[in-house]
N, C-alpha and C. Protein backbone atom coordinates (compact mmCIF):
# COMPACT_ATOMS: atom_id res chain seq x y z
N ASP A 1 0.80 -1.05 -0.16
CA ASP A 1 0.04 0.02 -0.01
C ASP A 1 0.65 1.37 0.02
N PRO A 2 0.82 1.95 -1.16
CA PRO A 2 1.85 3.20 -1.32
C PRO A 2 1.48 3.89 -0.04
N LEU A 3 0.70 4.45 0.38
CA LEU A 3 0.31 5.56 1.57
C LEU A 3 1.16 5.10 2.84
N SER A 4 0.95 3.84 2.90
CA SER A 4 1.69 3.44 4.48
C SER A 4 3.43 3.25 4.22
N MET A 5 3.58 3.11 2.83
CA MET A 5 5.27 3.05 2.46
C MET A 5 5.53 4.51 2.61
N LEU A 6 4.60 5.42 2.13
CA LEU A 6 4.98 6.79 2.26
C LEU A 6 5.28 7.51 3.66
N LEU A 7 4.30 7.11 4.27
CA LEU A 7 4.14 7.50 5.83
C LEU A 7 5.51 6.89 6.56
N PHE A 8 5.74 5.74 6.09
CA PHE A 8 6.86 5.08 6.67
C PHE A 8 8.13 5.90 6.24
N CYS A 9 8.38 6.15 5.09
CA CYS A 9 9.40 6.80 4.57
C CYS A 9 9.61 8.30 5.17
N MET A 10 8.48 8.92 5.75
CA MET A 10 8.66 10.16 6.14
C MET A 10 9.04 10.24 7.51
N ALA A 11 8.36 8.99 8.22
CA ALA A 11 8.84 8.80 9.69
C ALA A 11 10.21 8.60 9.93
N ILE A 12 10.79 7.71 8.93
CA ILE A 12 12.25 7.34 8.86
C ILE A 12 12.84 8.66 8.73
N GLU A 13 12.64 9.66 7.53
CA GLU A 13 13.33 10.94 7.32
C GLU A 13 13.21 11.71 8.53
N ARG A 14 12.17 11.67 9.30
CA ARG A 14 12.18 12.52 10.36
C ARG A 14 13.20 12.13 11.65
N LEU A 15 13.08 10.89 11.58
CA LEU A 15 13.87 10.20 12.57
C LEU A 15 15.58 10.68 12.44
N LEU A 16 15.52 10.42 11.11
CA LEU A 16 17.20 10.63 10.98
C LEU A 16 17.45 12.23 10.90
N ARG A 17 16.58 12.91 10.80
CA ARG A 17 16.78 14.73 10.73
C ARG A 17 17.05 14.61 12.53
N ARG A 18 16.30 14.24 12.97
CA ARG A 18 16.55 14.31 14.68
C ARG A 18 17.80 13.96 15.14
N LEU A 19 18.15 12.68 14.76
CA LEU A 19 19.49 11.88 14.86
C LEU A 19 20.67 12.94 14.54
N ARG A 20 20.63 13.32 13.40
CA ARG A 20 21.44 14.29 12.75
C ARG A 20 21.61 15.61 13.54
N GLU A 21 20.57 16.26 14.03
CA GLU A 21 20.61 17.39 14.88
C GLU A 21 21.06 16.74 16.25
N ARG A 22 20.51 15.95 16.78
CA ARG A 22 21.25 15.77 18.10
C ARG A 22 22.77 15.27 18.16
N GLY A 23 22.99 14.62 16.76
CA GLY A 23 24.43 14.17 16.73
C GLY A 23 25.45 15.58 16.44
N ILE A 24 25.03 16.58 15.94
CA ILE A 24 25.87 18.03 15.62
C ILE A 24 25.66 18.34 17.01
N THR A 25 24.84 18.80 17.63
CA THR A 25 24.77 19.20 18.89
C THR A 25 25.41 18.73 19.94
N PHE A 26 25.79 17.21 19.86
CA PHE A 26 26.35 16.40 20.48
C PHE A 26 28.03 16.62 20.56
N LEU A 27 28.36 16.78 18.69
CA LEU A 27 29.71 17.05 18.39
C LEU A 27 30.05 18.34 19.20
N ALA A 28 29.11 19.22 18.85
CA ALA A 28 29.44 20.52 19.05
C ALA A 28 29.58 20.83 20.76
């Protein structure tokens, strides 16, 4: 089902973005 796939991709992108921001603040 394409809709669930889209929501899944959006959730992963959001998670990766959050981890990236946390990693940058952690390194800084």
